[in-house]
Full PDB file with SEQRES, HELIX, SHEET, SSBOND, CRYST1, ORIGX, SCALE, CONECT and MASTER records, all heavy atoms in Angstrom:
SEQRES   1 A   42  ARG THR LEU TYR GLN GLN THR PRO ALA ILE TRP LEU ALA          
SEQRES   2 A   42  LEU LEU LEU ALA ALA PHE ALA CYS VAL PRO MET LEU LYS          
SEQRES   3 A   42  THR GLN ALA SER HIS TYR PHE PHE GLN ALA ALA VAL PHE          
SEQRES   4 A   42  PHE CYS LEU                                                  
HELIX    1 AA1 THR A    2  GLN A    5  1                                   4    
HELIX    2 AA2 PRO A    8  ALA A   20  1                                  13    
HELIX    3 AA3 VAL A   22  LEU A   25  5                                   4    
HELIX    4 AA4 SER A   30  PHE A   33  5                                   4    
HELIX    5 AA5 PHE A   34  CYS A   41  1                                   8    
CRYST1    1.000    1.000    1.000  90.00  90.00  90.00 P 1           1          
ORIGX1      1.000000  0.000000  0.000000        0.00000                         
ORIGX2      0.000000  1.000000  0.000000        0.00000                         
ORIGX3      0.000000  0.000000  1.000000        0.00000                         
SCALE1      1.000000  0.000000  0.000000        0.00000                         
SCALE2      0.000000  1.000000  0.000000        0.00000                         
SCALE3      0.000000  0.000000  1.000000        0.00000                         
ATOM      1  N   ARG A   1       0.838  -1.201   0.000  1.00  0.00           N  
ATOM      2  CA  ARG A   1       0.000   0.000   0.000  1.00  0.00           C  
ATOM      3  C   ARG A   1       0.871   1.247   0.000  1.00  0.00           C  
ATOM      4  O   ARG A   1       0.611   2.200  -0.750  1.00  0.00           O  
ATOM      5  CB  ARG A   1      -0.922  -0.022   1.219  1.00  0.00           C  
ATOM      6  CG  ARG A   1      -1.926   1.129   1.229  1.00  0.00           C  
ATOM      7  CD  ARG A   1      -2.955   0.971   2.333  1.00  0.00           C  
ATOM      8  NE  ARG A   1      -2.375   1.158   3.654  1.00  0.00           N  
ATOM      9  CZ  ARG A   1      -2.267   0.220   4.572  1.00  0.00           C  
ATOM     10  NH1 ARG A   1      -2.694  -1.006   4.302  1.00  0.00           N  
ATOM     11  NH2 ARG A   1      -1.735   0.470   5.758  1.00  0.00           N  
ATOM     12  N   THR A   2       1.915   1.226   0.817  1.00  0.00           N  
ATOM     13  CA  THR A   2       2.835   2.366   0.859  1.00  0.00           C  
ATOM     14  C   THR A   2       3.547   2.540  -0.475  1.00  0.00           C  
ATOM     15  O   THR A   2       3.717   3.670  -0.964  1.00  0.00           O  
ATOM     16  CB  THR A   2       3.868   2.158   1.980  1.00  0.00           C  
ATOM     17  OG1 THR A   2       3.186   2.010   3.221  1.00  0.00           O  
ATOM     18  CG2 THR A   2       4.829   3.332   2.048  1.00  0.00           C  
ATOM     19  N   LEU A   3       3.957   1.431  -1.059  1.00  0.00           N  
ATOM     20  CA  LEU A   3       4.657   1.487  -2.339  1.00  0.00           C  
ATOM     21  C   LEU A   3       3.765   2.094  -3.420  1.00  0.00           C  
ATOM     22  O   LEU A   3       4.211   2.934  -4.218  1.00  0.00           O  
ATOM     23  CB  LEU A   3       5.103   0.082  -2.747  1.00  0.00           C  
ATOM     24  CG  LEU A   3       5.841  -0.042  -4.081  1.00  0.00           C  
ATOM     25  CD1 LEU A   3       7.184   0.670  -4.000  1.00  0.00           C  
ATOM     26  CD2 LEU A   3       6.039  -1.509  -4.437  1.00  0.00           C  
ATOM     27  N   TYR A   4       2.495   1.700  -3.447  1.00  0.00           N  
ATOM     28  CA  TYR A   4       1.576   2.244  -4.443  1.00  0.00           C  
ATOM     29  C   TYR A   4       1.328   3.727  -4.212  1.00  0.00           C  
ATOM     30  O   TYR A   4       1.195   4.504  -5.165  1.00  0.00           O  
ATOM     31  CB  TYR A   4       0.261   1.461  -4.409  1.00  0.00           C  
ATOM     32  CG  TYR A   4       0.238   0.284  -5.371  1.00  0.00           C  
ATOM     33  CD1 TYR A   4       1.136  -0.766  -5.233  1.00  0.00           C  
ATOM     34  CD2 TYR A   4      -0.660   0.239  -6.427  1.00  0.00           C  
ATOM     35  CE1 TYR A   4       1.142  -1.837  -6.102  1.00  0.00           C  
ATOM     36  CE2 TYR A   4      -0.673  -0.829  -7.313  1.00  0.00           C  
ATOM     37  CZ  TYR A   4       0.237  -1.867  -7.145  1.00  0.00           C  
ATOM     38  OH  TYR A   4       0.236  -2.915  -8.021  1.00  0.00           O  
ATOM     39  N   GLN A   5       1.282   4.121  -2.951  1.00  0.00           N  
ATOM     40  CA  GLN A   5       1.083   5.543  -2.648  1.00  0.00           C  
ATOM     41  C   GLN A   5       2.249   6.394  -3.135  1.00  0.00           C  
ATOM     42  O   GLN A   5       2.084   7.584  -3.407  1.00  0.00           O  
ATOM     43  CB  GLN A   5       0.894   5.725  -1.141  1.00  0.00           C  
ATOM     44  CG  GLN A   5      -0.423   5.164  -0.627  1.00  0.00           C  
ATOM     45  CD  GLN A   5      -0.496   5.151   0.893  1.00  0.00           C  
ATOM     46  OE1 GLN A   5       0.514   5.365   1.579  1.00  0.00           O  
ATOM     47  NE2 GLN A   5      -1.678   4.899   1.423  1.00  0.00           N  
ATOM     48  N   GLN A   6       3.415   5.788  -3.258  1.00  0.00           N  
ATOM     49  CA  GLN A   6       4.622   6.526  -3.643  1.00  0.00           C  
ATOM     50  C   GLN A   6       4.955   6.385  -5.127  1.00  0.00           C  
ATOM     51  O   GLN A   6       6.012   6.858  -5.551  1.00  0.00           O  
ATOM     52  CB  GLN A   6       5.806   6.018  -2.807  1.00  0.00           C  
ATOM     53  CG  GLN A   6       5.665   6.280  -1.318  1.00  0.00           C  
ATOM     54  CD  GLN A   6       6.742   5.593  -0.498  1.00  0.00           C  
ATOM     55  OE1 GLN A   6       7.487   4.764  -1.008  1.00  0.00           O  
ATOM     56  NE2 GLN A   6       6.831   5.955   0.792  1.00  0.00           N  
ATOM     57  N   THR A   7       4.101   5.751  -5.910  1.00  0.00           N  
ATOM     58  CA  THR A   7       4.389   5.496  -7.328  1.00  0.00           C  
ATOM     59  C   THR A   7       3.289   6.070  -8.211  1.00  0.00           C  
ATOM     60  O   THR A   7       2.339   5.368  -8.582  1.00  0.00           O  
ATOM     61  CB  THR A   7       4.538   3.979  -7.584  1.00  0.00           C  
ATOM     62  OG1 THR A   7       5.386   3.406  -6.592  1.00  0.00           O  
ATOM     63  CG2 THR A   7       5.123   3.720  -8.963  1.00  0.00           C  
ATOM     64  N   PRO A   8       3.366   7.354  -8.577  1.00  0.00           N  
ATOM     65  CA  PRO A   8       2.300   7.963  -9.387  1.00  0.00           C  
ATOM     66  C   PRO A   8       2.075   7.269 -10.723  1.00  0.00           C  
ATOM     67  O   PRO A   8       0.940   7.260 -11.224  1.00  0.00           O  
ATOM     68  CB  PRO A   8       2.793   9.404  -9.581  1.00  0.00           C  
ATOM     69  CG  PRO A   8       3.701   9.652  -8.427  1.00  0.00           C  
ATOM     70  CD  PRO A   8       4.370   8.336  -8.149  1.00  0.00           C  
ATOM     71  N   ALA A   9       3.114   6.679 -11.311  1.00  0.00           N  
ATOM     72  CA  ALA A   9       2.926   6.035 -12.617  1.00  0.00           C  
ATOM     73  C   ALA A   9       1.905   4.908 -12.543  1.00  0.00           C  
ATOM     74  O   ALA A   9       1.121   4.705 -13.484  1.00  0.00           O  
ATOM     75  CB  ALA A   9       4.268   5.497 -13.135  1.00  0.00           C  
ATOM     76  N   ILE A  10       1.888   4.189 -11.414  1.00  0.00           N  
ATOM     77  CA  ILE A  10       0.917   3.106 -11.287  1.00  0.00           C  
ATOM     78  C   ILE A  10      -0.483   3.667 -11.067  1.00  0.00           C  
ATOM     79  O   ILE A  10      -1.481   3.019 -11.406  1.00  0.00           O  
ATOM     80  CB  ILE A  10       1.333   2.125 -10.163  1.00  0.00           C  
ATOM     81  CG1 ILE A  10       0.783   0.714 -10.470  1.00  0.00           C  
ATOM     82  CG2 ILE A  10       0.876   2.577  -8.811  1.00  0.00           C  
ATOM     83  CD1 ILE A  10       1.394   0.043 -11.643  1.00  0.00           C  
ATOM     84  N   TRP A  11      -0.577   4.873 -10.492  1.00  0.00           N  
ATOM     85  CA  TRP A  11      -1.884   5.525 -10.406  1.00  0.00           C  
ATOM     86  C   TRP A  11      -2.452   5.734 -11.798  1.00  0.00           C  
ATOM     87  O   TRP A  11      -3.635   5.474 -12.047  1.00  0.00           O  
ATOM     88  CB  TRP A  11      -1.778   6.891  -9.727  1.00  0.00           C  
ATOM     89  CG  TRP A  11      -1.140   6.946  -8.386  1.00  0.00           C  
ATOM     90  CD1 TRP A  11      -0.741   5.893  -7.596  1.00  0.00           C  
ATOM     91  CD2 TRP A  11      -0.802   8.131  -7.663  1.00  0.00           C  
ATOM     92  NE1 TRP A  11      -0.185   6.350  -6.440  1.00  0.00           N  
ATOM     93  CE2 TRP A  11      -0.207   7.720  -6.435  1.00  0.00           C  
ATOM     94  CE3 TRP A  11      -0.948   9.489  -7.908  1.00  0.00           C  
ATOM     95  CZ2 TRP A  11       0.243   8.633  -5.482  1.00  0.00           C  
ATOM     96  CZ3 TRP A  11      -0.504  10.401  -6.961  1.00  0.00           C  
ATOM     97  CH2 TRP A  11       0.090   9.970  -5.762  1.00  0.00           C  
ATOM     98  N   LEU A  12      -1.595   6.237 -12.695  1.00  0.00           N  
ATOM     99  CA  LEU A  12      -2.048   6.488 -14.063  1.00  0.00           C  
ATOM    100  C   LEU A  12      -2.504   5.192 -14.723  1.00  0.00           C  
ATOM    101  O   LEU A  12      -3.547   5.150 -15.388  1.00  0.00           O  
ATOM    102  CB  LEU A  12      -0.929   7.139 -14.875  1.00  0.00           C  
ATOM    103  CG  LEU A  12      -1.225   7.391 -16.359  1.00  0.00           C  
ATOM    104  CD1 LEU A  12      -2.469   8.250 -16.529  1.00  0.00           C  
ATOM    105  CD2 LEU A  12      -0.030   8.036 -17.045  1.00  0.00           C  
ATOM    106  N   ALA A  13      -1.739   4.124 -14.546  1.00  0.00           N  
ATOM    107  CA  ALA A  13      -2.120   2.845 -15.155  1.00  0.00           C  
ATOM    108  C   ALA A  13      -3.476   2.383 -14.653  1.00  0.00           C  
ATOM    109  O   ALA A  13      -4.336   1.944 -15.444  1.00  0.00           O  
ATOM    110  CB  ALA A  13      -1.049   1.788 -14.855  1.00  0.00           C  
ATOM    111  N   LEU A  14      -3.703   2.489 -13.358  1.00  0.00           N  
ATOM    112  CA  LEU A  14      -4.968   2.025 -12.792  1.00  0.00           C  
ATOM    113  C   LEU A  14      -6.136   2.930 -13.192  1.00  0.00           C  
ATOM    114  O   LEU A  14      -7.250   2.448 -13.415  1.00  0.00           O  
ATOM    115  CB  LEU A  14      -4.856   1.937 -11.269  1.00  0.00           C  
ATOM    116  CG  LEU A  14      -3.959   0.796 -10.757  1.00  0.00           C  
ATOM    117  CD1 LEU A  14      -3.752   0.913  -9.256  1.00  0.00           C  
ATOM    118  CD2 LEU A  14      -4.566  -0.555 -11.109  1.00  0.00           C  
ATOM    119  N   LEU A  15      -5.886   4.221 -13.276  1.00  0.00           N  
ATOM    120  CA  LEU A  15      -6.950   5.137 -13.715  1.00  0.00           C  
ATOM    121  C   LEU A  15      -7.322   4.883 -15.170  1.00  0.00           C  
ATOM    122  O   LEU A  15      -8.509   4.870 -15.533  1.00  0.00           O  
ATOM    123  CB  LEU A  15      -6.503   6.585 -13.527  1.00  0.00           C  
ATOM    124  CG  LEU A  15      -6.517   7.098 -12.076  1.00  0.00           C  
ATOM    125  CD1 LEU A  15      -5.784   8.432 -11.976  1.00  0.00           C  
ATOM    126  CD2 LEU A  15      -7.958   7.244 -11.578  1.00  0.00           C  
ATOM    127  N   LEU A  16      -6.325   4.661 -16.018  1.00  0.00           N  
ATOM    128  CA  LEU A  16      -6.609   4.349 -17.416  1.00  0.00           C  
ATOM    129  C   LEU A  16      -7.381   3.043 -17.527  1.00  0.00           C  
ATOM    130  O   LEU A  16      -8.334   2.930 -18.308  1.00  0.00           O  
ATOM    131  CB  LEU A  16      -5.306   4.268 -18.209  1.00  0.00           C  
ATOM    132  CG  LEU A  16      -4.541   5.581 -18.396  1.00  0.00           C  
ATOM    133  CD1 LEU A  16      -3.195   5.330 -19.059  1.00  0.00           C  
ATOM    134  CD2 LEU A  16      -5.357   6.573 -19.219  1.00  0.00           C  
ATOM    135  N   ALA A  17      -6.986   2.051 -16.739  1.00  0.00           N  
ATOM    136  CA  ALA A  17      -7.701   0.774 -16.754  1.00  0.00           C  
ATOM    137  C   ALA A  17      -9.147   0.945 -16.292  1.00  0.00           C  
ATOM    138  O   ALA A  17     -10.082   0.396 -16.887  1.00  0.00           O  
ATOM    139  CB  ALA A  17      -6.969  -0.234 -15.877  1.00  0.00           C  
ATOM    140  N   ALA A  18      -9.324   1.710 -15.219  1.00  0.00           N  
ATOM    141  CA  ALA A  18     -10.666   1.885 -14.661  1.00  0.00           C  
ATOM    142  C   ALA A  18     -11.599   2.584 -15.642  1.00  0.00           C  
ATOM    143  O   ALA A  18     -12.728   2.131 -15.881  1.00  0.00           O  
ATOM    144  CB  ALA A  18     -10.577   2.677 -13.352  1.00  0.00           C  
ATOM    145  N   PHE A  19     -11.140   3.683 -16.228  1.00  0.00           N  
ATOM    146  CA  PHE A  19     -12.012   4.407 -17.163  1.00  0.00           C  
ATOM    147  C   PHE A  19     -12.205   3.638 -18.469  1.00  0.00           C  
ATOM    148  O   PHE A  19     -13.243   3.776 -19.117  1.00  0.00           O  
ATOM    149  CB  PHE A  19     -11.460   5.805 -17.422  1.00  0.00           C  
ATOM    150  CG  PHE A  19     -11.728   6.768 -16.304  1.00  0.00           C  
ATOM    151  CD1 PHE A  19     -10.738   7.115 -15.402  1.00  0.00           C  
ATOM    152  CD2 PHE A  19     -12.992   7.298 -16.132  1.00  0.00           C  
ATOM    153  CE1 PHE A  19     -10.985   7.980 -14.356  1.00  0.00           C  
ATOM    154  CE2 PHE A  19     -13.258   8.184 -15.085  1.00  0.00           C  
ATOM    155  CZ  PHE A  19     -12.259   8.519 -14.194  1.00  0.00           C  
ATOM    156  N   ALA A  20     -11.227   2.825 -18.837  1.00  0.00           N  
ATOM    157  CA  ALA A  20     -11.382   2.005 -20.041  1.00  0.00           C  
ATOM    158  C   ALA A  20     -12.426   0.909 -19.857  1.00  0.00           C  
ATOM    159  O   ALA A  20     -12.869   0.304 -20.833  1.00  0.00           O  
ATOM    160  CB  ALA A  20     -10.041   1.389 -20.433  1.00  0.00           C  
ATOM    161  N   CYS A  21     -12.810   0.647 -18.613  1.00  0.00           N  
ATOM    162  CA  CYS A  21     -13.860  -0.348 -18.346  1.00  0.00           C  
ATOM    163  C   CYS A  21     -15.265   0.211 -18.571  1.00  0.00           C  
ATOM    164  O   CYS A  21     -16.226  -0.565 -18.616  1.00  0.00           O  
ATOM    165  CB  CYS A  21     -13.753  -0.848 -16.907  1.00  0.00           C  
ATOM    166  SG  CYS A  21     -12.364  -1.946 -16.597  1.00  0.00           S  
ATOM    167  N   VAL A  22     -15.402   1.519 -18.683  1.00  0.00           N  
ATOM    168  CA  VAL A  22     -16.731   2.124 -18.805  1.00  0.00           C  
ATOM    169  C   VAL A  22     -17.533   1.564 -19.980  1.00  0.00           C  
ATOM    170  O   VAL A  22     -18.734   1.307 -19.851  1.00  0.00           O  
ATOM    171  CB  VAL A  22     -16.613   3.667 -18.891  1.00  0.00           C  
ATOM    172  CG1 VAL A  22     -17.967   4.305 -19.191  1.00  0.00           C  
ATOM    173  CG2 VAL A  22     -16.046   4.226 -17.591  1.00  0.00           C  
ATOM    174  N   PRO A  23     -16.908   1.338 -21.175  1.00  0.00           N  
ATOM    175  CA  PRO A  23     -17.701   0.757 -22.285  1.00  0.00           C  
ATOM    176  C   PRO A  23     -18.307  -0.598 -21.953  1.00  0.00           C  
ATOM    177  O   PRO A  23     -19.264  -1.024 -22.610  1.00  0.00           O  
ATOM    178  CB  PRO A  23     -16.672   0.634 -23.416  1.00  0.00           C  
ATOM    179  CG  PRO A  23     -15.650   1.676 -23.122  1.00  0.00           C  
ATOM    180  CD  PRO A  23     -15.562   1.720 -21.630  1.00  0.00           C  
ATOM    181  N   MET A  24     -17.785  -1.286 -20.931  1.00  0.00           N  
ATOM    182  CA  MET A  24     -18.349  -2.574 -20.537  1.00  0.00           C  
ATOM    183  C   MET A  24     -19.770  -2.424 -20.000  1.00  0.00           C  
ATOM    184  O   MET A  24     -20.511  -3.407 -19.908  1.00  0.00           O  
ATOM    185  CB  MET A  24     -17.471  -3.233 -19.472  1.00  0.00           C  
ATOM    186  CG  MET A  24     -16.044  -3.497 -19.889  1.00  0.00           C  
ATOM    187  SD  MET A  24     -15.911  -4.770 -21.145  1.00  0.00           S  
ATOM    188  CE  MET A  24     -16.398  -6.217 -20.226  1.00  0.00           C  
ATOM    189  N   LEU A  25     -20.166  -1.209 -19.644  1.00  0.00           N  
ATOM    190  CA  LEU A  25     -21.532  -0.982 -19.207  1.00  0.00           C  
ATOM    191  C   LEU A  25     -22.514  -1.133 -20.366  1.00  0.00           C  
ATOM    192  O   LEU A  25     -23.703  -1.390 -20.158  1.00  0.00           O  
ATOM    193  CB  LEU A  25     -21.674   0.418 -18.594  1.00  0.00           C  
ATOM    194  CG  LEU A  25     -20.832   0.678 -17.328  1.00  0.00           C  
ATOM    195  CD1 LEU A  25     -20.961   2.133 -16.910  1.00  0.00           C  
ATOM    196  CD2 LEU A  25     -21.261  -0.250 -16.206  1.00  0.00           C  
ATOM    197  N   LYS A  26     -22.013  -0.970 -21.591  1.00  0.00           N  
ATOM    198  CA  LYS A  26     -22.845  -1.130 -22.784  1.00  0.00           C  
ATOM    199  C   LYS A  26     -22.918  -2.586 -23.232  1.00  0.00           C  
ATOM    200  O   LYS A  26     -23.982  -3.114 -23.518  1.00  0.00           O  
ATOM    201  CB  LYS A  26     -22.281  -0.268 -23.917  1.00  0.00           C  
ATOM    202  CG  LYS A  26     -22.472   1.228 -23.734  1.00  0.00           C  
ATOM    203  CD  LYS A  26     -23.849   1.668 -24.191  1.00  0.00           C  
ATOM    204  CE  LYS A  26     -23.968   3.189 -24.235  1.00  0.00           C  
ATOM    205  NZ  LYS A  26     -25.274   3.633 -24.747  1.00  0.00           N  
ATOM    206  N   THR A  27     -21.765  -3.229 -23.339  1.00  0.00           N  
ATOM    207  CA  THR A  27     -21.703  -4.617 -23.771  1.00  0.00           C  
ATOM    208  C   THR A  27     -20.470  -5.264 -23.172  1.00  0.00           C  
ATOM    209  O   THR A  27     -19.485  -4.577 -22.903  1.00  0.00           O  
ATOM    210  CB  THR A  27     -21.677  -4.731 -25.303  1.00  0.00           C  
ATOM    211  OG1 THR A  27     -21.636  -6.108 -25.677  1.00  0.00           O  
ATOM    212  CG2 THR A  27     -20.490  -4.010 -25.897  1.00  0.00           C  
ATOM    213  N   GLN A  28     -20.520  -6.582 -22.974  1.00  0.00           N  
ATOM    214  CA  GLN A  28     -19.443  -7.248 -22.259  1.00  0.00           C  
ATOM    215  C   GLN A  28     -18.669  -8.223 -23.147  1.00  0.00           C  
ATOM    216  O   GLN A  28     -18.113  -9.220 -22.655  1.00  0.00           O  
ATOM    217  CB  GLN A  28     -19.996  -7.992 -21.042  1.00  0.00           C  
ATOM    218  CG  GLN A  28     -20.633  -7.079 -20.016  1.00  0.00           C  
ATOM    219  CD  GLN A  28     -22.030  -6.623 -20.415  1.00  0.00           C  
ATOM    220  OE1 GLN A  28     -22.832  -7.419 -20.898  1.00  0.00           O  
ATOM    221  NE2 GLN A  28     -22.318  -5.350 -20.218  1.00  0.00           N  
ATOM    222  N   ALA A  29     -18.616  -7.964 -24.443  1.00  0.00           N  
ATOM    223  CA  ALA A  29     -17.744  -8.757 -25.312  1.00  0.00           C  
ATOM    224  C   ALA A  29     -16.310  -8.629 -24.808  1.00  0.00           C  
ATOM    225  O   ALA A  29     -15.868  -7.540 -24.417  1.00  0.00           O  
ATOM    226  CB  ALA A  29     -17.859  -8.284 -26.751  1.00  0.00           C  
ATOM    227  N   SER A  30     -15.570  -9.740 -24.819  1.00  0.00           N  
ATOM    228  CA  SER A  30     -14.264  -9.738 -24.156  1.00  0.00           C  
ATOM    229  C   SER A  30     -13.276  -8.762 -24.776  1.00  0.00           C  
ATOM    230  O   SER A  30     -12.404  -8.224 -24.087  1.00  0.00           O  
ATOM    231  CB  SER A  30     -13.674 -11.152 -24.142  1.00  0.00           C  
ATOM    232  OG  SER A  30     -13.532 -11.662 -25.446  1.00  0.00           O  
ATOM    233  N   HIS A  31     -13.392  -8.481 -26.091  1.00  0.00           N  
ATOM    234  CA  HIS A  31     -12.434  -7.540 -26.678  1.00  0.00           C  
ATOM    235  C   HIS A  31     -12.658  -6.112 -26.172  1.00  0.00           C  
ATOM    236  O   HIS A  31     -11.752  -5.283 -26.231  1.00  0.00           O  
ATOM    237  CB  HIS A  31     -12.474  -7.593 -28.211  1.00  0.00           C  
ATOM    238  CG  HIS A  31     -13.778  -7.188 -28.815  1.00  0.00           C  
ATOM    239  ND1 HIS A  31     -14.802  -8.073 -29.056  1.00  0.00           N  
ATOM    240  CD2 HIS A  31     -14.245  -5.989 -29.249  1.00  0.00           C  
ATOM    241  CE1 HIS A  31     -15.815  -7.447 -29.613  1.00  0.00           C  
ATOM    242  NE2 HIS A  31     -15.507  -6.178 -29.735  1.00  0.00           N  
ATOM    243  N   TYR A  32     -13.846  -5.815 -25.659  1.00  0.00           N  
ATOM    244  CA  TYR A  32     -14.087  -4.497 -25.070  1.00  0.00           C  
ATOM    245  C   TYR A  32     -13.237  -4.292 -23.814  1.00  0.00           C  
ATOM    246  O   TYR A  32     -12.971  -3.152 -23.424  1.00  0.00           O  
ATOM    247  CB  TYR A  32     -15.565  -4.337 -24.706  1.00  0.00           C  
ATOM    248  CG  TYR A  32     -16.425  -3.810 -25.819  1.00  0.00           C  
ATOM    249  CD1 TYR A  32     -16.634  -4.543 -26.972  1.00  0.00           C  
ATOM    250  CD2 TYR A  32     -17.046  -2.568 -25.723  1.00  0.00           C  
ATOM    251  CE1 TYR A  32     -17.424  -4.062 -28.002  1.00  0.00           C  
ATOM    252  CE2 TYR A  32     -17.832  -2.072 -26.738  1.00  0.00           C  
ATOM    253  CZ  TYR A  32     -18.016  -2.822 -27.885  1.00  0.00           C  
ATOM    254  OH  TYR A  32     -18.789  -2.344 -28.908  1.00  0.00           O  
ATOM    255  N   PHE A  33     -12.846  -5.392 -23.184  1.00  0.00           N  
ATOM    256  CA  PHE A  33     -12.063  -5.318 -21.952  1.00  0.00           C  
ATOM    257  C   PHE A  33     -10.574  -5.191 -22.219  1.00  0.00           C  
ATOM    258  O   PHE A  33      -9.807  -4.848 -21.317  1.00  0.00           O  
ATOM    259  CB  PHE A  33     -12.341  -6.569 -21.121  1.00  0.00           C  
ATOM    260  CG  PHE A  33     -11.816  -6.512 -19.708  1.00  0.00           C  
ATOM    261  CD1 PHE A  33     -12.248  -5.533 -18.827  1.00  0.00           C  
ATOM    262  CD2 PHE A  33     -10.897  -7.441 -19.260  1.00  0.00           C  
ATOM    263  CE1 PHE A  33     -11.762  -5.483 -17.528  1.00  0.00           C  
ATOM    264  CE2 PHE A  33     -10.399  -7.401 -17.959  1.00  0.00           C  
ATOM    265  CZ  PHE A  33     -10.843  -6.416 -17.089  1.00  0.00           C  
ATOM    266  N   PHE A  34     -10.154  -5.426 -23.456  1.00  0.00           N  
ATOM    267  CA  PHE A  34      -8.728  -5.496 -23.747  1.00  0.00           C  
ATOM    268  C   PHE A  34      -8.015  -4.184 -23.468  1.00  0.00           C  
ATOM    269  O   PHE A  34      -6.900  -4.167 -22.941  1.00  0.00           O  
ATOM    270  CB  PHE A  34      -8.510  -5.920 -25.200  1.00  0.00           C  
ATOM    271  CG  PHE A  34      -7.071  -6.159 -25.546  1.00  0.00           C  
ATOM    272  CD1 PHE A  34      -6.408  -7.283 -25.089  1.00  0.00           C  
ATOM    273  CD2 PHE A  34      -6.362  -5.258 -26.342  1.00  0.00           C  
ATOM    274  CE1 PHE A  34      -5.068  -7.519 -25.400  1.00  0.00           C  
ATOM    275  CE2 PHE A  34      -5.035  -5.481 -26.667  1.00  0.00           C  
ATOM    276  CZ  PHE A  34      -4.391  -6.613 -26.191  1.00  0.00           C  
ATOM    277  N   GLN A  35      -8.636  -3.065 -23.813  1.00  0.00           N  
ATOM    278  CA  GLN A  35      -7.985  -1.773 -23.619  1.00  0.00           C  
ATOM    279  C   GLN A  35      -7.785  -1.467 -22.133  1.00  0.00           C  
ATOM    280  O   GLN A  35      -6.886  -0.694 -21.774  1.00  0.00           O  
ATOM    281  CB  GLN A  35      -8.786  -0.665 -24.283  1.00  0.00           C  
ATOM    282  CG  GLN A  35     -10.185  -0.510 -23.706  1.00  0.00           C  
ATOM    283  CD  GLN A  35     -11.049   0.404 -24.550  1.00  0.00           C  
ATOM    284  OE1 GLN A  35     -10.773   0.623 -25.718  1.00  0.00           O  
ATOM    285  NE2 GLN A  35     -12.090   0.944 -23.951  1.00  0.00           N  
ATOM    286  N   ALA A  36      -8.601  -2.057 -21.271  1.00  0.00           N  
ATOM    287  CA  ALA A  36      -8.374  -1.954 -19.831  1.00  0.00           C  
ATOM    288  C   ALA A  36      -7.377  -3.010 -19.374  1.00  0.00           C  
ATOM    289  O   ALA A  36      -6.520  -2.758 -18.515  1.00  0.00           O  
ATOM    290  CB  ALA A  36      -9.691  -2.109 -19.072  1.00  0.00           C  
ATOM    291  N   ALA A  37      -7.473  -4.207 -19.958  1.00  0.00           N  
ATOM    292  CA  ALA A  37      -6.633  -5.329 -19.520  1.00  0.00           C  
ATOM    293  C   ALA A  37      -5.146  -5.040 -19.673  1.00  0.00           C  
ATOM    294  O   ALA A  37      -4.338  -5.473 -18.841  1.00  0.00           O  
ATOM    295  CB  ALA A  37      -7.005  -6.582 -20.308  1.00  0.00           C  
ATOM    296  N   VAL A  38      -4.748  -4.319 -20.724  1.00  0.00           N  
ATOM    297  CA  VAL A  38      -3.309  -4.065 -20.913  1.00  0.00           C  
ATOM    298  C   VAL A  38      -2.732  -3.266 -19.752  1.00  0.00           C  
ATOM    299  O   VAL A  38      -1.568  -3.456 -19.373  1.00  0.00           O  
ATOM    300  CB  VAL A  38      -3.038  -3.353 -22.260  1.00  0.00           C  
ATOM    301  CG1 VAL A  38      -3.368  -4.264 -23.428  1.00  0.00           C  
ATOM    302  CG2 VAL A  38      -3.797  -2.036 -22.371  1.00  0.00           C  
ATOM    303  N   PHE A  39      -3.554  -2.393 -19.150  1.00  0.00           N  
ATOM    304  CA  PHE A  39      -3.066  -1.627 -17.997  1.00  0.00           C  
ATOM    305  C   PHE A  39      -3.236  -2.409 -16.696  1.00  0.00           C  
ATOM    306  O   PHE A  39      -2.434  -2.253 -15.772  1.00  0.00           O  
ATOM    307  CB  PHE A  39      -3.773  -0.273 -17.933  1.00  0.00           C  
ATOM    308  CG  PHE A  39      -3.286   0.681 -18.986  1.00  0.00           C  
ATOM    309  CD1 PHE A  39      -4.039   0.921 -20.130  1.00  0.00           C  
ATOM    310  CD2 PHE A  39      -2.056   1.296 -18.868  1.00  0.00           C  
ATOM    311  CE1 PHE A  39      -3.579   1.775 -21.113  1.00  0.00           C  
ATOM    312  CE2 PHE A  39      -1.585   2.157 -19.849  1.00  0.00           C  
ATOM    313  CZ  PHE A  39      -2.348   2.398 -20.980  1.00  0.00           C  
ATOM    314  N   PHE A  40      -4.238  -3.255 -16.626  1.00  0.00           N  
ATOM    315  CA  PHE A  40      -4.320  -4.160 -15.479  1.00  0.00           C  
ATOM    316  C   PHE A  40      -3.129  -5.116 -15.470  1.00  0.00           C  
ATOM    317  O   PHE A  40      -2.607  -5.464 -14.405  1.00  0.00           O  
ATOM    318  CB  PHE A  40      -5.624  -4.941 -15.499  1.00  0.00           C  
ATOM    319  CG  PHE A  40      -6.819  -4.172 -15.006  1.00  0.00           C  
ATOM    320  CD1 PHE A  40      -7.993  -4.131 -15.731  1.00  0.00           C  
ATOM    321  CD2 PHE A  40      -6.767  -3.491 -13.794  1.00  0.00           C  
ATOM    322  CE1 PHE A  40      -9.092  -3.422 -15.280  1.00  0.00           C  
ATOM    323  CE2 PHE A  40      -7.870  -2.778 -13.326  1.00  0.00           C  
ATOM    324  CZ  PHE A  40      -9.040  -2.744 -14.070  1.00  0.00           C  
ATOM    325  N   CYS A  41      -2.701  -5.563 -16.652  1.00  0.00           N  
ATOM    326  CA  CYS A  41      -1.512  -6.427 -16.742  1.00  0.00           C  
ATOM    327  C   CYS A  41      -0.273  -5.698 -16.249  1.00  0.00           C  
ATOM    328  O   CYS A  41       0.586  -6.291 -15.573  1.00  0.00           O  
ATOM    329  CB  CYS A  41      -1.304  -6.895 -18.183  1.00  0.00           C  
ATOM    330  SG  CYS A  41      -2.498  -8.128 -18.743  1.00  0.00           S  
ATOM    331  N   LEU A  42      -0.171  -4.426 -16.569  1.00  0.00           N  
ATOM    332  CA  LEU A  42       0.965  -3.628 -16.091  1.00  0.00           C  
ATOM    333  C   LEU A  42       0.953  -3.560 -14.566  1.00  0.00           C  
ATOM    334  O   LEU A  42       1.999  -3.715 -13.914  1.00  0.00           O  
ATOM    335  CB  LEU A  42       0.882  -2.236 -16.719  1.00  0.00           C  
ATOM    336  CG  LEU A  42       2.148  -1.383 -16.728  1.00  0.00           C  
ATOM    337  CD1 LEU A  42       2.076  -0.371 -17.870  1.00  0.00           C  
ATOM    338  CD2 LEU A  42       2.334  -0.659 -15.421  1.00  0.00           C  
TER     339      LEU A  42                                                      
MASTER        0    0    0    5    0    0    0    6  338    1    0    4          
END                                                                             
């Protein structure tokens, strides 16, 4: 938790992943998740 608090780059990755999940509210085809998954993988 402390490490994440001190690493802004990972904040950006998680924020990009989170907002990239918004289209999943429309449809849940797995390729819609890919643009979020690449940052979740990071």
